[in-house]
Amino acid sequence: MSKEKPASFSPYFRVEDADQVRAAFEAVGEQEKHSSISELIEAATLRELKRLQRKYNAGKPWPGVPASPGRAGRPRKI
């Protein structure tokens, strides 16, 4: 897996959750070796991704889905 950063996308949080992410970063970001809020969010997201892969895909990565215009940030209807 490549370590280079691809085109990015932005997660959206409720105001209260965003406040908590910032608070957690300010409180323990340095101790946990997160150099930015983005790094904290990336670490948490990748941890959840690994859990989902183990649970639903025999621990293997899924084929990547490239971003397409208008796709990123649009909520899915569930």
PDB file of N, CA and C in Angstrom:
ATOM      1  N   MET A   1       0.840  -1.171   0.000  1.00  0.00           N
ATOM      2  CA  MET A   1       0.000   0.000   0.000  1.00  0.00           C
ATOM      3  C   MET A   1       0.891   1.242   0.000  1.00  0.00           C
ATOM      4  N   SER A   2       0.579   2.185  -0.845  1.00  0.00           N
ATOM      5  CA  SER A   2       1.365   3.395  -1.001  1.00  0.00           C
ATOM      6  C   SER A   2       1.188   4.314   0.202  1.00  0.00           C
ATOM      7  N   LYS A   3       2.262   4.995   0.577  1.00  0.00           N
ATOM      8  CA  LYS A   3       2.207   5.943   1.695  1.00  0.00           C
ATOM      9  C   LYS A   3       1.913   7.359   1.219  1.00  0.00           C
ATOM     10  N   GLU A   4       1.921   7.591  -0.105  1.00  0.00           N
ATOM     11  CA  GLU A   4       1.656   8.943  -0.586  1.00  0.00           C
ATOM     12  C   GLU A   4       0.191   9.309  -0.387  1.00  0.00           C
ATOM     13  N   LYS A   5      -0.049  10.580  -0.226  1.00  0.00           N
ATOM     14  CA  LYS A   5      -1.409  11.066   0.024  1.00  0.00           C
ATOM     15  C   LYS A   5      -2.120  11.323  -1.308  1.00  0.00           C
ATOM     16  N   PRO A   6      -3.255  10.682  -1.518  1.00  0.00           N
ATOM     17  CA  PRO A   6      -4.034  10.939  -2.741  1.00  0.00           C
ATOM     18  C   PRO A   6      -4.856  12.216  -2.593  1.00  0.00           C
ATOM     19  N   ALA A   7      -5.640  12.486  -3.604  1.00  0.00           N
ATOM     20  CA  ALA A   7      -6.579  13.606  -3.488  1.00  0.00           C
ATOM     21  C   ALA A   7      -7.400  13.408  -2.224  1.00  0.00           C
ATOM     22  N   SER A   8      -7.680  14.478  -1.545  1.00  0.00           N
ATOM     23  CA  SER A   8      -8.354  14.357  -0.252  1.00  0.00           C
ATOM     24  C   SER A   8      -9.858  14.512  -0.366  1.00  0.00           C
ATOM     25  N   PHE A   9     -10.519  14.165   0.713  1.00  0.00           N
ATOM     26  CA  PHE A   9     -11.933  14.452   0.884  1.00  0.00           C
ATOM     27  C   PHE A   9     -12.134  14.863   2.326  1.00  0.00           C
ATOM     28  N   SER A  10     -13.199  15.553   2.586  1.00  0.00           N
ATOM     29  CA  SER A  10     -13.427  16.101   3.918  1.00  0.00           C
ATOM     30  C   SER A  10     -14.595  15.410   4.606  1.00  0.00           C
ATOM     31  N   PRO A  11     -14.354  14.892   5.807  1.00  0.00           N
ATOM     32  CA  PRO A  11     -15.488  14.379   6.581  1.00  0.00           C
ATOM     33  C   PRO A  11     -16.252  15.552   7.188  1.00  0.00           C
ATOM     34  N   TYR A  12     -17.505  15.354   7.423  1.00  0.00           N
ATOM     35  CA  TYR A  12     -18.323  16.378   8.057  1.00  0.00           C
ATOM     36  C   TYR A  12     -18.794  15.840   9.399  1.00  0.00           C
ATOM     37  N   PHE A  13     -18.775  16.701  10.406  1.00  0.00           N
ATOM     38  CA  PHE A  13     -19.170  16.328  11.754  1.00  0.00           C
ATOM     39  C   PHE A  13     -20.244  17.284  12.253  1.00  0.00           C
ATOM     40  N   ARG A  14     -21.085  16.786  13.140  1.00  0.00           N
ATOM     41  CA  ARG A  14     -21.987  17.689  13.855  1.00  0.00           C
ATOM     42  C   ARG A  14     -21.109  18.643  14.664  1.00  0.00           C
ATOM     43  N   VAL A  15     -21.595  19.828  14.956  1.00  0.00           N
ATOM     44  CA  VAL A  15     -20.818  20.831  15.679  1.00  0.00           C
ATOM     45  C   VAL A  15     -20.293  20.266  16.994  1.00  0.00           C
ATOM     46  N   GLU A  16     -21.158  19.575  17.728  1.00  0.00           N
ATOM     47  CA  GLU A  16     -20.755  19.022  19.027  1.00  0.00           C
ATOM     48  C   GLU A  16     -19.635  17.996  18.869  1.00  0.00           C
ATOM     49  N   ASP A  17     -19.716  17.181  17.838  1.00  0.00           N
ATOM     50  CA  ASP A  17     -18.670  16.173  17.615  1.00  0.00           C
ATOM     51  C   ASP A  17     -17.360  16.834  17.185  1.00  0.00           C
ATOM     52  N   ALA A  18     -17.450  17.844  16.327  1.00  0.00           N
ATOM     53  CA  ALA A  18     -16.248  18.564  15.905  1.00  0.00           C
ATOM     54  C   ALA A  18     -15.577  19.234  17.104  1.00  0.00           C
ATOM     55  N   ASP A  19     -16.385  19.782  17.996  1.00  0.00           N
ATOM     56  CA  ASP A  19     -15.839  20.383  19.219  1.00  0.00           C
ATOM     57  C   ASP A  19     -15.063  19.344  20.029  1.00  0.00           C
ATOM     58  N   GLN A  20     -15.594  18.133  20.111  1.00  0.00           N
ATOM     59  CA  GLN A  20     -14.939  17.063  20.863  1.00  0.00           C
ATOM     60  C   GLN A  20     -13.660  16.586  20.183  1.00  0.00           C
ATOM     61  N   VAL A  21     -13.662  16.526  18.868  1.00  0.00           N
ATOM     62  CA  VAL A  21     -12.439  16.141  18.135  1.00  0.00           C
ATOM     63  C   VAL A  21     -11.341  17.162  18.424  1.00  0.00           C
ATOM     64  N   ARG A  22     -11.670  18.436  18.324  1.00  0.00           N
ATOM     65  CA  ARG A  22     -10.673  19.480  18.616  1.00  0.00           C
ATOM     66  C   ARG A  22     -10.213  19.398  20.065  1.00  0.00           C
ATOM     67  N   ALA A  23     -11.148  19.173  20.996  1.00  0.00           N
ATOM     68  CA  ALA A  23     -10.791  19.083  22.410  1.00  0.00           C
ATOM     69  C   ALA A  23      -9.863  17.895  22.673  1.00  0.00           C
ATOM     70  N   ALA A  24     -10.171  16.758  22.064  1.00  0.00           N
ATOM     71  CA  ALA A  24      -9.318  15.575  22.246  1.00  0.00           C
ATOM     72  C   ALA A  24      -7.927  15.826  21.693  1.00  0.00           C
ATOM     73  N   PHE A  25      -7.863  16.447  20.518  1.00  0.00           N
ATOM     74  CA  PHE A  25      -6.555  16.743  19.933  1.00  0.00           C
ATOM     75  C   PHE A  25      -5.760  17.683  20.836  1.00  0.00           C
ATOM     76  N   GLU A  26      -6.405  18.734  21.313  1.00  0.00           N
ATOM     77  CA  GLU A  26      -5.699  19.676  22.183  1.00  0.00           C
ATOM     78  C   GLU A  26      -5.264  19.026  23.488  1.00  0.00           C
ATOM     79  N   ALA A  27      -6.092  18.127  24.019  1.00  0.00           N
ATOM     80  CA  ALA A  27      -5.787  17.496  25.304  1.00  0.00           C
ATOM     81  C   ALA A  27      -4.678  16.457  25.203  1.00  0.00           C
ATOM     82  N   VAL A  28      -4.709  15.610  24.175  1.00  0.00           N
ATOM     83  CA  VAL A  28      -3.776  14.478  24.138  1.00  0.00           C
ATOM     84  C   VAL A  28      -3.113  14.240  22.789  1.00  0.00           C
ATOM     85  N   GLY A  29      -3.324  15.133  21.836  1.00  0.00           N
ATOM     86  CA  GLY A  29      -2.732  14.940  20.514  1.00  0.00           C
ATOM     87  C   GLY A  29      -1.233  14.734  20.542  1.00  0.00           C
ATOM     88  N   GLU A  30      -0.546  15.565  21.300  1.00  0.00           N
ATOM     89  CA  GLU A  30       0.912  15.451  21.374  1.00  0.00           C
ATOM     90  C   GLU A  30       1.329  14.134  22.033  1.00  0.00           C
ATOM     91  N   GLN A  31       0.673  13.771  23.136  1.00  0.00           N
ATOM     92  CA  GLN A  31       0.997  12.515  23.823  1.00  0.00           C
ATOM     93  C   GLN A  31       0.765  11.304  22.919  1.00  0.00           C
ATOM     94  N   GLU A  32      -0.266  11.371  22.088  1.00  0.00           N
ATOM     95  CA  GLU A  32      -0.606  10.261  21.195  1.00  0.00           C
ATOM     96  C   GLU A  32       0.128  10.340  19.858  1.00  0.00           C
ATOM     97  N   LYS A  33       1.000  11.332  19.730  1.00  0.00           N
ATOM     98  CA  LYS A  33       1.835  11.508  18.539  1.00  0.00           C
ATOM     99  C   LYS A  33       1.039  11.880  17.282  1.00  0.00           C
ATOM    100  N   HIS A  34      -0.075  12.577  17.456  1.00  0.00           N
ATOM    101  CA  HIS A  34      -0.826  13.109  16.320  1.00  0.00           C
ATOM    102  C   HIS A  34      -0.365  14.543  16.112  1.00  0.00           C
ATOM    103  N   SER A  35       0.163  14.829  14.930  1.00  0.00           N
ATOM    104  CA  SER A  35       0.690  16.170  14.681  1.00  0.00           C
ATOM    105  C   SER A  35      -0.385  17.137  14.195  1.00  0.00           C
ATOM    106  N   SER A  36      -1.571  16.627  13.886  1.00  0.00           N
ATOM    107  CA  SER A  36      -2.658  17.490  13.432  1.00  0.00           C
ATOM    108  C   SER A  36      -3.996  16.798  13.694  1.00  0.00           C
ATOM    109  N   ILE A  37      -5.058  17.583  13.622  1.00  0.00           N
ATOM    110  CA  ILE A  37      -6.394  17.000  13.747  1.00  0.00           C
ATOM    111  C   ILE A  37      -6.636  16.037  12.589  1.00  0.00           C
ATOM    112  N   SER A  38      -6.168  16.395  11.410  1.00  0.00           N
ATOM    113  CA  SER A  38      -6.338  15.501  10.254  1.00  0.00           C
ATOM    114  C   SER A  38      -5.677  14.148  10.496  1.00  0.00           C
ATOM    115  N   GLU A  39      -4.508  14.172  11.112  1.00  0.00           N
ATOM    116  CA  GLU A  39      -3.818  12.920  11.402  1.00  0.00           C
ATOM    117  C   GLU A  39      -4.597  12.080  12.408  1.00  0.00           C
ATOM    118  N   LEU A  40      -5.188  12.722  13.414  1.00  0.00           N
ATOM    119  CA  LEU A  40      -6.030  12.026  14.386  1.00  0.00           C
ATOM    120  C   LEU A  40      -7.227  11.387  13.691  1.00  0.00           C
ATOM    121  N   ILE A  41      -7.914  12.144  12.837  1.00  0.00           N
ATOM    122  CA  ILE A  41      -9.083  11.636  12.126  1.00  0.00           C
ATOM    123  C   ILE A  41      -8.688  10.500  11.184  1.00  0.00           C
ATOM    124  N   GLU A  42      -7.552  10.655  10.509  1.00  0.00           N
ATOM    125  CA  GLU A  42      -7.081   9.597   9.605  1.00  0.00           C
ATOM    126  C   GLU A  42      -6.801   8.313  10.376  1.00  0.00           C
ATOM    127  N   ALA A  43      -6.115   8.416  11.517  1.00  0.00           N
ATOM    128  CA  ALA A  43      -5.800   7.228  12.314  1.00  0.00           C
ATOM    129  C   ALA A  43      -7.068   6.516  12.769  1.00  0.00           C
ATOM    130  N   ALA A  44      -8.045   7.288  13.240  1.00  0.00           N
ATOM    131  CA  ALA A  44      -9.303   6.691  13.701  1.00  0.00           C
ATOM    132  C   ALA A  44     -10.060   6.048  12.544  1.00  0.00           C
ATOM    133  N   THR A  45     -10.084   6.715  11.404  1.00  0.00           N
ATOM    134  CA  THR A  45     -10.790   6.177  10.238  1.00  0.00           C
ATOM    135  C   THR A  45     -10.137   4.896   9.747  1.00  0.00           C
ATOM    136  N   LEU A  46      -8.818   4.871   9.679  1.00  0.00           N
ATOM    137  CA  LEU A  46      -8.130   3.664   9.203  1.00  0.00           C
ATOM    138  C   LEU A  46      -8.289   2.505  10.183  1.00  0.00           C
ATOM    139  N   ARG A  47      -8.361   2.804  11.479  1.00  0.00           N
ATOM    140  CA  ARG A  47      -8.620   1.757  12.479  1.00  0.00           C
ATOM    141  C   ARG A  47     -10.002   1.146  12.251  1.00  0.00           C
ATOM    142  N   GLU A  48     -10.999   1.983  11.986  1.00  0.00           N
ATOM    143  CA  GLU A  48     -12.351   1.492  11.712  1.00  0.00           C
ATOM    144  C   GLU A  48     -12.389   0.735  10.391  1.00  0.00           C
ATOM    145  N   LEU A  49     -11.657   1.209   9.396  1.00  0.00           N
ATOM    146  CA  LEU A  49     -11.588   0.508   8.118  1.00  0.00           C
ATOM    147  C   LEU A  49     -11.053  -0.911   8.300  1.00  0.00           C
ATOM    148  N   LYS A  50      -9.983  -1.057   9.072  1.00  0.00           N
ATOM    149  CA  LYS A  50      -9.423  -2.394   9.337  1.00  0.00           C
ATOM    150  C   LYS A  50     -10.453  -3.282  10.027  1.00  0.00           C
ATOM    151  N   ARG A  51     -11.205  -2.727  10.976  1.00  0.00           N
ATOM    152  CA  ARG A  51     -12.238  -3.508  11.672  1.00  0.00           C
ATOM    153  C   ARG A  51     -13.298  -3.995  10.683  1.00  0.00           C
ATOM    154  N   LEU A  52     -13.743  -3.114   9.815  1.00  0.00           N
ATOM    155  CA  LEU A  52     -14.754  -3.492   8.822  1.00  0.00           C
ATOM    156  C   LEU A  52     -14.216  -4.534   7.846  1.00  0.00           C
ATOM    157  N   GLN A  53     -12.960  -4.388   7.446  1.00  0.00           N
ATOM    158  CA  GLN A  53     -12.359  -5.390   6.564  1.00  0.00           C
ATOM    159  C   GLN A  53     -12.316  -6.762   7.237  1.00  0.00           C
ATOM    160  N   ARG A  54     -11.933  -6.794   8.510  1.00  0.00           N
ATOM    161  CA  ARG A  54     -11.898  -8.074   9.231  1.00  0.00           C
ATOM    162  C   ARG A  54     -13.292  -8.676   9.337  1.00  0.00           C
ATOM    163  N   LYS A  55     -14.278  -7.845   9.635  1.00  0.00           N
ATOM    164  CA  LYS A  55     -15.629  -8.339   9.859  1.00  0.00           C
ATOM    165  C   LYS A  55     -16.330  -8.758   8.569  1.00  0.00           C
ATOM    166  N   TYR A  56     -16.166  -7.986   7.511  1.00  0.00           N
ATOM    167  CA  TYR A  56     -16.983  -8.202   6.317  1.00  0.00           C
ATOM    168  C   TYR A  56     -16.215  -8.657   5.074  1.00  0.00           C
ATOM    169  N   ASN A  57     -14.879  -8.652   5.114  1.00  0.00           N
ATOM    170  CA  ASN A  57     -14.138  -8.975   3.900  1.00  0.00           C
ATOM    171  C   ASN A  57     -12.933  -9.873   4.176  1.00  0.00           C
ATOM    172  N   ALA A  58     -13.068 -10.773   5.128  1.00  0.00           N
ATOM    173  CA  ALA A  58     -12.010 -11.731   5.470  1.00  0.00           C
ATOM    174  C   ALA A  58     -10.675 -11.041   5.747  1.00  0.00           C
ATOM    175  N   GLY A  59     -10.731  -9.825   6.265  1.00  0.00           N
ATOM    176  CA  GLY A  59      -9.518  -9.098   6.617  1.00  0.00           C
ATOM    177  C   GLY A  59      -8.762  -8.526   5.449  1.00  0.00           C
ATOM    178  N   LYS A  60      -9.320  -8.617   4.273  1.00  0.00           N
ATOM    179  CA  LYS A  60      -8.627  -8.149   3.069  1.00  0.00           C
ATOM    180  C   LYS A  60      -9.151  -6.785   2.649  1.00  0.00           C
ATOM    181  N   PRO A  61      -8.286  -5.996   1.994  1.00  0.00           N
ATOM    182  CA  PRO A  61      -8.754  -4.708   1.470  1.00  0.00           C
ATOM    183  C   PRO A  61      -9.757  -4.918   0.341  1.00  0.00           C
ATOM    184  N   TRP A  62     -10.703  -4.012   0.243  1.00  0.00           N
ATOM    185  CA  TRP A  62     -11.614  -4.024  -0.900  1.00  0.00           C
ATOM    186  C   TRP A  62     -10.915  -3.366  -2.073  1.00  0.00           C
ATOM    187  N   PRO A  63     -11.366  -3.630  -3.292  1.00  0.00           N
ATOM    188  CA  PRO A  63     -10.825  -2.877  -4.425  1.00  0.00           C
ATOM    189  C   PRO A  63     -11.137  -1.392  -4.203  1.00  0.00           C
ATOM    190  N   GLY A  64     -10.216  -0.547  -4.521  1.00  0.00           N
ATOM    191  CA  GLY A  64     -10.419   0.884  -4.323  1.00  0.00           C
ATOM    192  C   GLY A  64     -11.521   1.427  -5.213  1.00  0.00           C
ATOM    193  N   VAL A  65     -12.166   2.456  -4.730  1.00  0.00           N
ATOM    194  CA  VAL A  65     -13.194   3.143  -5.507  1.00  0.00           C
ATOM    195  C   VAL A  65     -12.707   4.573  -5.697  1.00  0.00           C
ATOM    196  N   PRO A  66     -12.297   4.927  -6.929  1.00  0.00           N
ATOM    197  CA  PRO A  66     -11.799   6.288  -7.141  1.00  0.00           C
ATOM    198  C   PRO A  66     -12.903   7.322  -6.972  1.00  0.00           C
ATOM    199  N   ALA A  67     -12.494   8.494  -6.543  1.00  0.00           N
ATOM    200  CA  ALA A  67     -13.449   9.596  -6.407  1.00  0.00           C
ATOM    201  C   ALA A  67     -13.929  10.004  -7.786  1.00  0.00           C
ATOM    202  N   SER A  68     -15.171  10.360  -7.854  1.00  0.00           N
ATOM    203  CA  SER A  68     -15.708  10.887  -9.099  1.00  0.00           C
ATOM    204  C   SER A  68     -16.305  12.251  -8.820  1.00  0.00           C
ATOM    205  N   PRO A  69     -16.418  13.098  -9.817  1.00  0.00           N
ATOM    206  CA  PRO A  69     -16.960  14.442  -9.569  1.00  0.00           C
ATOM    207  C   PRO A  69     -18.326  14.367  -8.881  1.00  0.00           C
ATOM    208  N   GLY A  70     -18.480  15.162  -7.841  1.00  0.00           N
ATOM    209  CA  GLY A  70     -19.761  15.216  -7.147  1.00  0.00           C
ATOM    210  C   GLY A  70     -19.990  14.110  -6.139  1.00  0.00           C
ATOM    211  N   ARG A  71     -19.059  13.182  -6.005  1.00  0.00           N
ATOM    212  CA  ARG A  71     -19.263  12.036  -5.112  1.00  0.00           C
ATOM    213  C   ARG A  71     -18.881  12.352  -3.666  1.00  0.00           C
ATOM    214  N   ALA A  72     -17.717  12.915  -3.455  1.00  0.00           N
ATOM    215  CA  ALA A  72     -17.216  13.127  -2.097  1.00  0.00           C
ATOM    216  C   ALA A  72     -18.116  14.064  -1.310  1.00  0.00           C
ATOM    217  N   GLY A  73     -18.374  13.704  -0.070  1.00  0.00           N
ATOM    218  CA  GLY A  73     -19.116  14.554   0.829  1.00  0.00           C
ATOM    219  C   GLY A  73     -20.619  14.480   0.714  1.00  0.00           C
ATOM    220  N   ARG A  74     -21.119  13.728  -0.256  1.00  0.00           N
ATOM    221  CA  ARG A  74     -22.568  13.617  -0.390  1.00  0.00           C
ATOM    222  C   ARG A  74     -23.074  12.500   0.506  1.00  0.00           C
ATOM    223  N   PRO A  75     -23.981  12.804   1.426  1.00  0.00           N
ATOM    224  CA  PRO A  75     -24.486  11.766   2.320  1.00  0.00           C
ATOM    225  C   PRO A  75     -25.296  10.711   1.571  1.00  0.00           C
ATOM    226  N   ARG A  76     -25.132   9.476   2.016  1.00  0.00           N
ATOM    227  CA  ARG A  76     -25.923   8.385   1.452  1.00  0.00           C
ATOM    228  C   ARG A  76     -27.267   8.352   2.125  1.00  0.00           C
ATOM    229  N   LYS A  77     -28.280   8.042   1.371  1.00  0.00           N
ATOM    230  CA  LYS A  77     -29.611   7.861   1.959  1.00  0.00           C
ATOM    231  C   LYS A  77     -29.720   6.425   2.431  1.00  0.00           C
ATOM    232  N   ILE A  78     -30.015   6.275   3.719  1.00  0.00           N
ATOM    233  CA  ILE A  78     -30.118   4.928   4.302  1.00  0.00           C
ATOM    234  C   ILE A  78     -31.552   4.648   4.667  1.00  0.00           C
TER     235      ILE A  78
END
